[in-house]
PDB file of N, CA and C in Angstrom:
ATOM      1  N   UNK A   1      39.739  79.147 126.802  1.00  0.00           N
ATOM      2  CA  UNK A   1      40.931  79.045 125.726  1.00  0.00           C
ATOM      3  C   UNK A   1      41.911  80.029 126.139  1.00  0.00           C
ATOM      4  N   UNK A   2      43.257  79.604 125.522  1.00  0.00           N
ATOM      5  CA  UNK A   2      44.386  80.663 125.885  1.00  0.00           C
ATOM      6  C   UNK A   2      44.616  81.167 124.584  1.00  0.00           C
ATOM      7  N   UNK A   3      44.623  82.616 124.638  1.00  0.00           N
ATOM      8  CA  UNK A   3      45.278  83.184 123.177  1.00  0.00           C
ATOM      9  C   UNK A   3      46.594  83.784 123.492  1.00  0.00           C
ATOM     10  N   UNK A   4      47.511  83.308 122.790  1.00  0.00           N
ATOM     11  CA  UNK A   4      48.788  83.665 122.722  1.00  0.00           C
ATOM     12  C   UNK A   4      49.095  85.148 122.320  1.00  0.00           C
ATOM     13  N   UNK A   5      48.294  85.406 121.573  1.00  0.00           N
ATOM     14  CA  UNK A   5      48.124  87.213 121.032  1.00  0.00           C
ATOM     15  C   UNK A   5      48.056  87.909 121.999  1.00  0.00           C
ATOM     16  N   UNK A   6      47.498  87.492 123.112  1.00  0.00           N
ATOM     17  CA  UNK A   6      47.292  88.595 124.231  1.00  0.00           C
ATOM     18  C   UNK A   6      48.276  88.628 125.478  1.00  0.00           C
ATOM     19  N   UNK A   7      49.415  87.794 125.196  1.00  0.00           N
ATOM     20  CA  UNK A   7      50.475  87.669 126.115  1.00  0.00           C
ATOM     21  C   UNK A   7      51.080  88.886 126.276  1.00  0.00           C
ATOM     22  N   UNK A   8      51.689  89.644 125.038  1.00  0.00           N
ATOM     23  CA  UNK A   8      52.162  91.082 125.460  1.00  0.00           C
ATOM     24  C   UNK A   8      51.239  92.080 125.796  1.00  0.00           C
ATOM     25  N   UNK A   9      49.989  92.000 125.593  1.00  0.00           N
ATOM     26  CA  UNK A   9      49.107  93.014 126.036  1.00  0.00           C
ATOM     27  C   UNK A   9      48.938  92.997 127.582  1.00  0.00           C
ATOM     28  N   UNK A  10      48.755  91.468 127.942  1.00  0.00           N
ATOM     29  CA  UNK A  10      48.524  91.241 129.520  1.00  0.00           C
ATOM     30  C   UNK A  10      49.801  91.616 130.254  1.00  0.00           C
ATOM     31  N   UNK A  11      51.015  91.269 129.903  1.00  0.00           N
ATOM     32  CA  UNK A  11      52.239  91.420 130.330  1.00  0.00           C
ATOM     33  C   UNK A  11      52.499  92.855 130.855  1.00  0.00           C
ATOM     34  N   UNK A  12      52.302  93.709 129.595  1.00  0.00           N
ATOM     35  CA  UNK A  12      52.646  95.157 129.683  1.00  0.00           C
ATOM     36  C   UNK A  12      51.586  95.821 130.188  1.00  0.00           C
ATOM     37  N   UNK A  13      50.494  95.448 130.819  1.00  0.00           N
ATOM     38  CA  UNK A  13      49.252  96.148 131.077  1.00  0.00           C
ATOM     39  C   UNK A  13      49.463  97.096 132.184  1.00  0.00           C
ATOM     40  N   UNK A  14      48.750  98.165 132.166  1.00  0.00           N
ATOM     41  CA  UNK A  14      49.189  99.209 133.219  1.00  0.00           C
ATOM     42  C   UNK A  14      49.124  98.754 134.674  1.00  0.00           C
ATOM     43  N   UNK A  15      48.318  97.752 134.899  1.00  0.00           N
ATOM     44  CA  UNK A  15      48.047  97.219 136.291  1.00  0.00           C
ATOM     45  C   UNK A  15      49.385  96.318 136.565  1.00  0.00           C
ATOM     46  N   UNK A  16      49.881  95.629 135.641  1.00  0.00           N
ATOM     47  CA  UNK A  16      51.061  94.778 135.933  1.00  0.00           C
ATOM     48  C   UNK A  16      52.323  95.358 135.935  1.00  0.00           C
ATOM     49  N   UNK A  17      52.450  96.988 135.457  1.00  0.00           N
ATOM     50  CA  UNK A  17      53.729  97.320 135.334  1.00  0.00           C
ATOM     51  C   UNK A  17      54.465  97.656 136.569  1.00  0.00           C
ATOM     52  N   UNK A  18      53.814  98.011 137.762  1.00  0.00           N
ATOM     53  CA  UNK A  18      54.328  98.252 139.113  1.00  0.00           C
ATOM     54  C   UNK A  18      54.788  96.770 139.683  1.00  0.00           C
ATOM     55  N   UNK A  19      54.290  95.663 139.359  1.00  0.00           N
ATOM     56  CA  UNK A  19      55.053  94.416 139.796  1.00  0.00           C
ATOM     57  C   UNK A  19      56.209  94.294 139.202  1.00  0.00           C
ATOM     58  N   UNK A  20      56.018  94.361 137.626  1.00  0.00           N
ATOM     59  CA  UNK A  20      57.329  94.195 136.955  1.00  0.00           C
ATOM     60  C   UNK A  20      58.382  95.018 136.960  1.00  0.00           C
ATOM     61  N   UNK A  21      58.311  96.389 137.487  1.00  0.00           N
ATOM     62  CA  UNK A  21      59.104  97.140 137.925  1.00  0.00           C
ATOM     63  C   UNK A  21      59.735  96.747 139.211  1.00  0.00           C
ATOM     64  N   UNK A  22      58.955  96.245 140.209  1.00  0.00           N
ATOM     65  CA  UNK A  22      59.447  95.998 141.499  1.00  0.00           C
ATOM     66  C   UNK A  22      60.345  94.661 141.424  1.00  0.00           C
ATOM     67  N   UNK A  23      59.855  93.690 140.638  1.00  0.00           N
ATOM     68  CA  UNK A  23      60.783  92.582 140.442  1.00  0.00           C
ATOM     69  C   UNK A  23      61.920  92.791 139.607  1.00  0.00           C
ATOM     70  N   UNK A  24      62.020  93.742 138.891  1.00  0.00           N
ATOM     71  CA  UNK A  24      63.176  94.246 138.226  1.00  0.00           C
ATOM     72  C   UNK A  24      64.165  94.970 139.161  1.00  0.00           C
ATOM     73  N   UNK A  25      63.681  95.820 140.123  1.00  0.00           N
ATOM     74  CA  UNK A  25      64.549  96.333 141.000  1.00  0.00           C
ATOM     75  C   UNK A  25      65.056  95.295 142.010  1.00  0.00           C
ATOM     76  N   UNK A  26      64.265  94.434 142.388  1.00  0.00           N
ATOM     77  CA  UNK A  26      64.909  93.552 143.293  1.00  0.00           C
ATOM     78  C   UNK A  26      65.823  92.440 142.827  1.00  0.00           C
ATOM     79  N   UNK A  27      65.601  92.255 141.373  1.00  0.00           N
ATOM     80  CA  UNK A  27      66.628  91.218 140.837  1.00  0.00           C
ATOM     81  C   UNK A  27      67.916  91.981 140.376  1.00  0.00           C
ATOM     82  N   UNK A  28      67.880  93.541 140.182  1.00  0.00           N
ATOM     83  CA  UNK A  28      69.129  94.165 140.217  1.00  0.00           C
ATOM     84  C   UNK A  28      69.771  94.416 141.225  1.00  0.00           C
ATOM     85  N   UNK A  29      68.960  94.547 142.537  1.00  0.00           N
ATOM     86  CA  UNK A  29      69.940  94.713 143.814  1.00  0.00           C
ATOM     87  C   UNK A  29      70.542  93.180 144.171  1.00  0.00           C
ATOM     88  N   UNK A  30      69.823  92.272 144.062  1.00  0.00           N
ATOM     89  CA  UNK A  30      70.351  90.917 144.128  1.00  0.00           C
ATOM     90  C   UNK A  30      71.542  90.657 143.389  1.00  0.00           C
ATOM     91  N   UNK A  31      71.325  91.026 142.012  1.00  0.00           N
ATOM     92  CA  UNK A  31      72.735  90.748 141.132  1.00  0.00           C
ATOM     93  C   UNK A  31      73.831  91.818 141.560  1.00  0.00           C
ATOM     94  N   UNK A  32      73.555  92.936 142.102  1.00  0.00           N
ATOM     95  CA  UNK A  32      74.471  93.725 142.381  1.00  0.00           C
ATOM     96  C   UNK A  32      75.295  93.368 143.699  1.00  0.00           C
ATOM     97  N   UNK A  33      74.471  92.976 144.489  1.00  0.00           N
ATOM     98  CA  UNK A  33      75.241  92.550 145.765  1.00  0.00           C
ATOM     99  C   UNK A  33      75.889  91.182 145.580  1.00  0.00           C
ATOM    100  N   UNK A  34      75.563  90.340 144.749  1.00  0.00           N
ATOM    101  CA  UNK A  34      76.420  89.160 144.460  1.00  0.00           C
ATOM    102  C   UNK A  34      77.521  89.538 143.647  1.00  0.00           C
ATOM    103  N   UNK A  35      77.669  90.503 142.710  1.00  0.00           N
ATOM    104  CA  UNK A  35      78.600  90.738 141.989  1.00  0.00           C
ATOM    105  C   UNK A  35      79.700  91.645 142.923  1.00  0.00           C
ATOM    106  N   UNK A  36      79.366  92.484 143.865  1.00  0.00           N
ATOM    107  CA  UNK A  36      80.180  93.195 144.635  1.00  0.00           C
ATOM    108  C   UNK A  36      80.735  92.203 145.773  1.00  0.00           C
ATOM    109  N   UNK A  37      79.942  91.377 146.130  1.00  0.00           N
ATOM    110  CA  UNK A  37      80.349  90.138 147.120  1.00  0.00           C
ATOM    111  C   UNK A  37      81.236  89.341 146.466  1.00  0.00           C
ATOM    112  N   UNK A  38      81.100  89.202 145.142  1.00  0.00           N
ATOM    113  CA  UNK A  38      82.082  88.228 144.511  1.00  0.00           C
ATOM    114  C   UNK A  38      83.635  88.872 144.456  1.00  0.00           C
ATOM    115  N   UNK A  39      83.546  90.144 143.851  1.00  0.00           N
ATOM    116  CA  UNK A  39      84.598  90.609 143.908  1.00  0.00           C
ATOM    117  C   UNK A  39      85.441  91.134 145.193  1.00  0.00           C
ATOM    118  N   UNK A  40      84.553  91.539 146.238  1.00  0.00           N
ATOM    119  CA  UNK A  40      85.265  91.552 147.377  1.00  0.00           C
ATOM    120  C   UNK A  40      86.019  90.339 147.982  1.00  0.00           C
ATOM    121  N   UNK A  41      85.177  89.147 147.771  1.00  0.00           N
ATOM    122  CA  UNK A  41      85.804  87.850 148.234  1.00  0.00           C
ATOM    123  C   UNK A  41      87.158  87.521 147.132  1.00  0.00           C
ATOM    124  N   UNK A  42      86.982  87.676 146.010  1.00  0.00           N
ATOM    125  CA  UNK A  42      88.344  87.473 145.285  1.00  0.00           C
ATOM    126  C   UNK A  42      89.295  88.452 145.486  1.00  0.00           C
ATOM    127  N   UNK A  43      89.208  89.562 146.118  1.00  0.00           N
ATOM    128  CA  UNK A  43      90.049  90.525 146.652  1.00  0.00           C
ATOM    129  C   UNK A  43      90.822  90.139 148.084  1.00  0.00           C
ATOM    130  N   UNK A  44      89.701  89.766 148.895  1.00  0.00           N
ATOM    131  CA  UNK A  44      90.262  89.257 150.176  1.00  0.00           C
ATOM    132  C   UNK A  44      90.966  87.771 150.117  1.00  0.00           C
ATOM    133  N   UNK A  45      90.500  87.138 149.177  1.00  0.00           N
ATOM    134  CA  UNK A  45      91.204  85.717 149.283  1.00  0.00           C
ATOM    135  C   UNK A  45      92.856  85.942 148.955  1.00  0.00           C
ATOM    136  N   UNK A  46      93.071  86.958 148.141  1.00  0.00           N
ATOM    137  CA  UNK A  46      94.233  87.013 147.890  1.00  0.00           C
ATOM    138  C   UNK A  46      94.961  85.941 146.737  1.00  0.00           C
ATOM    139  N   UNK A  47      96.271  86.449 146.430  1.00  0.00           N
ATOM    140  CA  UNK A  47      96.657  85.483 145.289  1.00  0.00           C
ATOM    141  C   UNK A  47      97.115  84.181 145.839  1.00  0.00           C
ATOM    142  N   UNK A  48      97.327  83.183 144.765  1.00  0.00           N
ATOM    143  CA  UNK A  48      97.863  81.827 145.345  1.00  0.00           C
ATOM    144  C   UNK A  48      99.222  81.855 145.684  1.00  0.00           C
ATOM    145  N   UNK A  49      99.333  80.717 146.778  1.00  0.00           N
ATOM    146  CA  UNK A  49     100.521  80.709 147.718  1.00  0.00           C
ATOM    147  C   UNK A  49     101.591  80.164 146.687  1.00  0.00           C
ATOM    148  N   UNK A  50     102.489  81.306 146.149  1.00  0.00           N
ATOM    149  CA  UNK A  50     103.714  80.647 145.380  1.00  0.00           C
ATOM    150  C   UNK A  50     104.939  80.632 146.269  1.00  0.00           C
ATOM    151  N   UNK A  51     104.813  80.561 147.752  1.00  0.00           N
ATOM    152  CA  UNK A  51     105.989  80.390 148.678  1.00  0.00           C
ATOM    153  C   UNK A  51     106.746  79.077 148.419  1.00  0.00           C
ATOM    154  N   UNK A  52     106.063  78.254 147.915  1.00  0.00           N
ATOM    155  CA  UNK A  52     106.722  76.883 147.733  1.00  0.00           C
ATOM    156  C   UNK A  52     107.776  76.821 146.686  1.00  0.00           C
ATOM    157  N   UNK A  53     107.589  77.790 145.781  1.00  0.00           N
ATOM    158  CA  UNK A  53     108.522  77.944 144.641  1.00  0.00           C
ATOM    159  C   UNK A  53     109.820  78.791 145.088  1.00  0.00           C
ATOM    160  N   UNK A  54     110.932  78.140 144.518  1.00  0.00           N
ATOM    161  CA  UNK A  54     112.110  79.052 144.838  1.00  0.00           C
ATOM    162  C   UNK A  54     112.251  80.170 144.081  1.00  0.00           C
ATOM    163  N   UNK A  55     112.955  81.050 144.356  1.00  0.00           N
ATOM    164  CA  UNK A  55     113.213  82.326 143.550  1.00  0.00           C
ATOM    165  C   UNK A  55     114.290  82.144 142.719  1.00  0.00           C
ATOM    166  N   UNK A  56     115.236  80.948 142.787  1.00  0.00           N
ATOM    167  CA  UNK A  56     116.105  80.899 141.887  1.00  0.00           C
ATOM    168  C   UNK A  56     115.672  79.365 141.466  1.00  0.00           C
ATOM    169  N   UNK A  57     115.210  79.358 140.122  1.00  0.00           N
ATOM    170  CA  UNK A  57     115.090  77.783 139.439  1.00  0.00           C
ATOM    171  C   UNK A  57     116.152  77.721 138.449  1.00  0.00           C
ATOM    172  N   UNK A  58     116.537  76.630 138.397  1.00  0.00           N
ATOM    173  CA  UNK A  58     117.298  76.154 137.344  1.00  0.00           C
ATOM    174  C   UNK A  58     116.481  75.713 136.106  1.00  0.00           C
ATOM    175  N   UNK A  59     116.600  76.129 134.748  1.00  0.00           N
ATOM    176  CA  UNK A  59     116.043  75.945 133.794  1.00  0.00           C
ATOM    177  C   UNK A  59     117.106  75.338 132.655  1.00  0.00           C
ATOM    178  N   UNK A  60     116.642  74.191 131.949  1.00  0.00           N
ATOM    179  CA  UNK A  60     117.558  73.747 131.131  1.00  0.00           C
ATOM    180  C   UNK A  60     116.791  73.541 129.851  1.00  0.00           C
ATOM    181  N   UNK A  61     117.628  73.800 128.735  1.00  0.00           N
ATOM    182  CA  UNK A  61     117.127  73.711 127.325  1.00  0.00           C
ATOM    183  C   UNK A  61     117.882  72.622 126.545  1.00  0.00           C
ATOM    184  N   UNK A  62     117.001  72.041 125.745  1.00  0.00           N
ATOM    185  CA  UNK A  62     117.628  71.103 125.028  1.00  0.00           C
ATOM    186  C   UNK A  62     118.287  71.608 123.717  1.00  0.00           C
ATOM    187  N   UNK A  63     119.652  71.374 123.969  1.00  0.00           N
ATOM    188  CA  UNK A  63     120.489  72.072 122.728  1.00  0.00           C
ATOM    189  C   UNK A  63     120.847  71.107 121.718  1.00  0.00           C
ATOM    190  N   UNK A  64     120.100  70.074 121.577  1.00  0.00           N
ATOM    191  CA  UNK A  64     120.555  69.082 120.622  1.00  0.00           C
ATOM    192  C   UNK A  64     119.990  69.472 119.351  1.00  0.00           C
ATOM    193  N   UNK A  65     118.590  70.381 119.182  1.00  0.00           N
ATOM    194  CA  UNK A  65     118.062  70.709 117.870  1.00  0.00           C
ATOM    195  C   UNK A  65     118.454  72.108 117.571  1.00  0.00           C
ATOM    196  N   UNK A  66     119.543  72.731 118.095  1.00  0.00           N
ATOM    197  CA  UNK A  66     119.950  74.187 117.810  1.00  0.00           C
ATOM    198  C   UNK A  66     120.337  74.128 116.299  1.00  0.00           C
ATOM    199  N   UNK A  67     120.232  75.441 115.548  1.00  0.00           N
ATOM    200  CA  UNK A  67     120.798  75.649 114.273  1.00  0.00           C
ATOM    201  C   UNK A  67     122.252  75.995 114.159  1.00  0.00           C
ATOM    202  N   UNK A  68     123.063  75.218 113.148  1.00  0.00           N
ATOM    203  CA  UNK A  68     124.374  75.653 113.420  1.00  0.00           C
ATOM    204  C   UNK A  68     124.723  76.972 112.389  1.00  0.00           C
ATOM    205  N   UNK A  69     125.866  77.296 112.460  1.00  0.00           N
ATOM    206  CA  UNK A  69     125.888  78.461 111.729  1.00  0.00           C
ATOM    207  C   UNK A  69     125.564  78.357 110.182  1.00  0.00           C
ATOM    208  N   UNK A  70     126.259  77.125 109.630  1.00  0.00           N
ATOM    209  CA  UNK A  70     126.036  76.798 108.214  1.00  0.00           C
ATOM    210  C   UNK A  70     124.579  76.660 108.051  1.00  0.00           C
ATOM    211  N   UNK A  71     123.764  76.142 108.636  1.00  0.00           N
ATOM    212  CA  UNK A  71     122.455  75.968 108.456  1.00  0.00           C
ATOM    213  C   UNK A  71     121.633  77.241 108.434  1.00  0.00           C
ATOM    214  N   UNK A  72     122.177  78.254 109.133  1.00  0.00           N
ATOM    215  CA  UNK A  72     121.496  79.623 109.119  1.00  0.00           C
ATOM    216  C   UNK A  72     121.972  80.283 107.836  1.00  0.00           C
ATOM    217  N   UNK A  73     123.226  80.069 107.399  1.00  0.00           N
ATOM    218  CA  UNK A  73     123.492  80.908 106.413  1.00  0.00           C
ATOM    219  C   UNK A  73     122.799  79.997 105.238  1.00  0.00           C
ATOM    220  N   UNK A  74     122.557  78.902 105.258  1.00  0.00           N
ATOM    221  CA  UNK A  74     121.684  78.307 103.968  1.00  0.00           C
ATOM    222  C   UNK A  74     120.193  79.071 104.134  1.00  0.00           C
ATOM    223  N   UNK A  75     119.646  79.195 105.017  1.00  0.00           N
ATOM    224  CA  UNK A  75     118.338  79.666 105.178  1.00  0.00           C
ATOM    225  C   UNK A  75     118.467  81.242 104.741  1.00  0.00           C
ATOM    226  N   UNK A  76     119.450  81.944 105.160  1.00  0.00           N
ATOM    227  CA  UNK A  76     119.506  83.426 104.497  1.00  0.00           C
ATOM    228  C   UNK A  76     119.651  83.234 103.018  1.00  0.00           C
ATOM    229  N   UNK A  77     120.436  82.279 102.609  1.00  0.00           N
ATOM    230  CA  UNK A  77     120.704  82.322 101.144  1.00  0.00           C
ATOM    231  C   UNK A  77     119.288  81.941 100.470  1.00  0.00           C
ATOM    232  N   UNK A  78     118.455  81.223 101.122  1.00  0.00           N
ATOM    233  CA  UNK A  78     117.597  80.548 100.416  1.00  0.00           C
ATOM    234  C   UNK A  78     116.345  81.789 100.255  1.00  0.00           C
ATOM    235  N   UNK A  79     116.315  82.637 100.952  1.00  0.00           N
ATOM    236  CA  UNK A  79     115.532  83.761 100.824  1.00  0.00           C
ATOM    237  C   UNK A  79     113.981  83.292 100.985  1.00  0.00           C
ATOM    238  N   UNK A  80     113.742  82.758 101.988  1.00  0.00           N
ATOM    239  CA  UNK A  80     112.301  82.174 102.172  1.00  0.00           C
ATOM    240  C   UNK A  80     111.469  83.128 101.930  1.00  0.00           C
ATOM    241  N   UNK A  81     111.431  84.361 102.359  1.00  0.00           N
ATOM    242  CA  UNK A  81     110.441  85.294 102.663  1.00  0.00           C
ATOM    243  C   UNK A  81     110.268  86.308 101.412  1.00  0.00           C
ATOM    244  N   UNK A  82     111.521  86.137 100.467  1.00  0.00           N
ATOM    245  CA  UNK A  82     111.627  87.074  99.394  1.00  0.00           C
ATOM    246  C   UNK A  82     111.840  88.211  99.887  1.00  0.00           C
ATOM    247  N   UNK A  83     112.669  88.583 100.659  1.00  0.00           N
ATOM    248  CA  UNK A  83     112.715  90.062 101.092  1.00  0.00           C
ATOM    249  C   UNK A  83     113.523  90.973 100.344  1.00  0.00           C
ATOM    250  N   UNK A  84     114.412  90.431  99.678  1.00  0.00           N
ATOM    251  CA  UNK A  84     115.258  91.184  98.674  1.00  0.00           C
ATOM    252  C   UNK A  84     114.693  91.629  97.318  1.00  0.00           C
ATOM    253  N   UNK A  85     113.550  91.362  97.043  1.00  0.00           N
ATOM    254  CA  UNK A  85     112.757  92.022  95.729  1.00  0.00           C
ATOM    255  C   UNK A  85     112.397  93.333  95.999  1.00  0.00           C
ATOM    256  N   UNK A  86     112.562  94.090  94.909  1.00  0.00           N
ATOM    257  CA  UNK A  86     112.402  95.282  94.848  1.00  0.00           C
ATOM    258  C   UNK A  86     110.827  95.384  94.593  1.00  0.00           C
ATOM    259  N   UNK A  87     110.153  96.294  95.263  1.00  0.00           N
ATOM    260  CA  UNK A  87     108.744  96.525  94.998  1.00  0.00           C
ATOM    261  C   UNK A  87     108.576  97.880  94.019  1.00  0.00           C
ATOM    262  N   UNK A  88     107.800  97.721  93.006  1.00  0.00           N
ATOM    263  CA  UNK A  88     107.706  98.826  92.290  1.00  0.00           C
ATOM    264  C   UNK A  88     106.458  99.544  92.561  1.00  0.00           C
ATOM    265  N   UNK A  89     106.656 100.828  92.786  1.00  0.00           N
ATOM    266  CA  UNK A  89     105.362 101.635  92.893  1.00  0.00           C
ATOM    267  C   UNK A  89     105.277 102.567  91.819  1.00  0.00           C
ATOM    268  N   UNK A  90     103.882 102.893  91.657  1.00  0.00           N
ATOM    269  CA  UNK A  90     103.870 103.938  90.389  1.00  0.00           C
ATOM    270  C   UNK A  90     104.065 105.396  90.884  1.00  0.00           C
ATOM    271  N   UNK A  91     104.835 106.015  90.190  1.00  0.00           N
ATOM    272  CA  UNK A  91     105.109 107.383  90.598  1.00  0.00           C
ATOM    273  C   UNK A  91     103.879 108.343  90.636  1.00  0.00           C
ATOM    274  N   UNK A  92     103.754 109.185  91.455  1.00  0.00           N
ATOM    275  CA  UNK A  92     102.442 110.027  91.784  1.00  0.00           C
ATOM    276  C   UNK A  92     102.484 111.014  90.714  1.00  0.00           C
ATOM    277  N   UNK A  93     101.340 111.280  90.175  1.00  0.00           N
ATOM    278  CA  UNK A  93     101.110 112.177  89.045  1.00  0.00           C
ATOM    279  C   UNK A  93     101.446 113.682  89.512  1.00  0.00           C
ATOM    280  N   UNK A  94     102.374 114.051  88.838  1.00  0.00           N
ATOM    281  CA  UNK A  94     102.684 115.409  89.171  1.00  0.00           C
ATOM    282  C   UNK A  94     101.981 116.470  88.417  1.00  0.00           C
TER     283      UNK A  94
END
């Protein structure tokens, strides 16, 4: 019969500690080698080839939806964010 309560006791038994320690060391070495290899590979591959893009590009904007000066004045007058209100604070006690 299998006893689930004995799993931690058996796993961390003194006779198994050296095996667990060795497996942990091996996995850390493999993980470190993989991480360093991945970083070196990324650095060695360089950046994407952007030579096909020209240095001078023409960008066009759609000017049909620009605000007119009258519309901007209406927005300012509407005071959307209520920035002209005075904030009252209590005077510090002297």
